[in-house]
Protein backbone atom coordinates (compact mmCIF):
# COMPACT_ATOMS: atom_id res chain seq x y z
CA MET A 1 -174.22 21.10 122.10
CA ARG A 2 -173.48 18.14 119.72
CA GLU A 3 -170.16 16.56 118.99
CA LEU A 4 -168.58 14.43 116.37
CA ARG A 5 -165.11 12.77 116.56
CA VAL A 6 -162.86 12.69 113.58
CA LEU A 7 -159.38 11.20 113.12
CA LEU A 8 -157.10 13.55 111.16
CA ASN A 9 -153.75 12.85 109.53
CA ILE A 10 -152.99 16.00 107.44
CA SER A 11 -149.46 16.59 106.42
CA ALA A 12 -147.80 20.05 106.92
CA GLU A 13 -147.53 20.29 103.13
CA ASP A 14 -151.17 19.48 102.56
CA PHE A 15 -152.21 21.99 105.14
CA LEU A 16 -150.50 24.80 103.36
CA SER A 17 -153.31 25.24 100.88
CA TYR A 18 -155.60 25.86 103.92
CA TYR A 19 -153.05 28.13 105.68
CA ARG A 20 -152.58 30.06 102.38
CA GLY A 21 -156.33 30.42 101.88
CA ASP A 22 -156.59 28.41 98.90
CA ALA A 23 -158.98 26.07 100.69
CA GLN A 24 -161.57 27.34 103.26
CA THR A 25 -162.93 24.07 104.74
CA VAL A 26 -161.93 20.61 105.87
CA ILE A 27 -164.26 17.74 105.09
CA ALA A 28 -163.64 14.55 107.13
CA GLN A 29 -165.56 11.44 107.87
CA SER A 30 -166.65 11.02 111.64
CA LYS A 31 -165.84 7.82 113.48
CA ASP A 32 -169.51 7.08 113.29
CA GLY A 33 -169.53 7.45 109.57
CA ARG A 34 -171.17 10.88 109.08
CA ARG A 35 -169.34 13.60 106.91
CA VAL A 36 -168.48 16.74 108.64
CA GLN A 37 -167.24 19.94 107.14
CA PHE A 38 -165.84 22.82 109.15
CA PRO A 39 -163.57 25.91 108.74
CA ALA A 40 -159.90 24.86 108.18
CA ASN A 41 -158.81 27.95 110.37
CA ALA A 42 -160.15 26.02 113.48
CA LEU A 43 -157.27 23.60 113.19
CA ARG A 44 -154.48 26.31 113.03
CA PRO A 45 -153.78 25.90 116.75
CA PHE A 46 -153.08 22.28 116.40
CA LEU A 47 -150.55 22.63 113.46
CA THR A 48 -147.07 21.18 114.05
CA HIS A 49 -143.97 20.92 111.68
CA SER A 50 -145.42 17.39 110.83
CA GLY A 51 -148.86 18.69 110.30
CA ILE A 52 -152.11 17.80 112.10
CA GLN A 53 -152.59 14.37 113.48
CA GLY A 54 -154.94 12.85 116.21
CA GLU A 55 -158.48 12.54 117.18
CA PHE A 56 -160.38 15.75 117.43
CA ALA A 57 -163.94 16.47 118.94
CA ILE A 58 -165.77 18.89 116.56
CA ARG A 59 -168.51 20.65 118.67
CA PHE A 60 -171.40 22.39 117.15
CA ASP A 61 -174.78 23.90 118.20
CA GLU A 62 -178.31 22.81 116.98
CA ASN A 63 -178.02 25.08 114.05
CA HIS A 64 -174.73 23.16 113.04
CA LYS A 65 -172.69 26.29 113.84
CA LEU A 66 -169.26 25.50 114.90
CA ILE A 67 -168.60 25.99 118.60
CA GLY A 68 -165.01 24.65 118.65
CA VAL A 69 -162.48 22.02 118.00
CA MET A 70 -160.63 20.04 120.68
CA LEU A 71 -157.70 17.68 120.53
CA VAL A 72 -158.80 14.36 122.34
CA VAL A 73 -155.96 13.15 124.40
C-alpha cells in the first residue's frame, strides 16, 4: 500500500460542485510535490459546515487504485 499526504482547504461552497456531481475528482498537490487525483466522493465523510480542511492521507495500491482517505490528526 502506498500513501500520499495532502493539505486540503476546500470551502463548503466550493465542494458543492463535487457534491452535486458537476465535478468528479479532486486534484491536489501532495506534501512531497506530486500531483494526486482521486474521486471527490471519498471526501464526503469529512465535509462540515465550513467545508473540508486538514491533512489527509490518500492510500492507494500498486495499480494506483484508491484504497481510502483518512484525516490525519
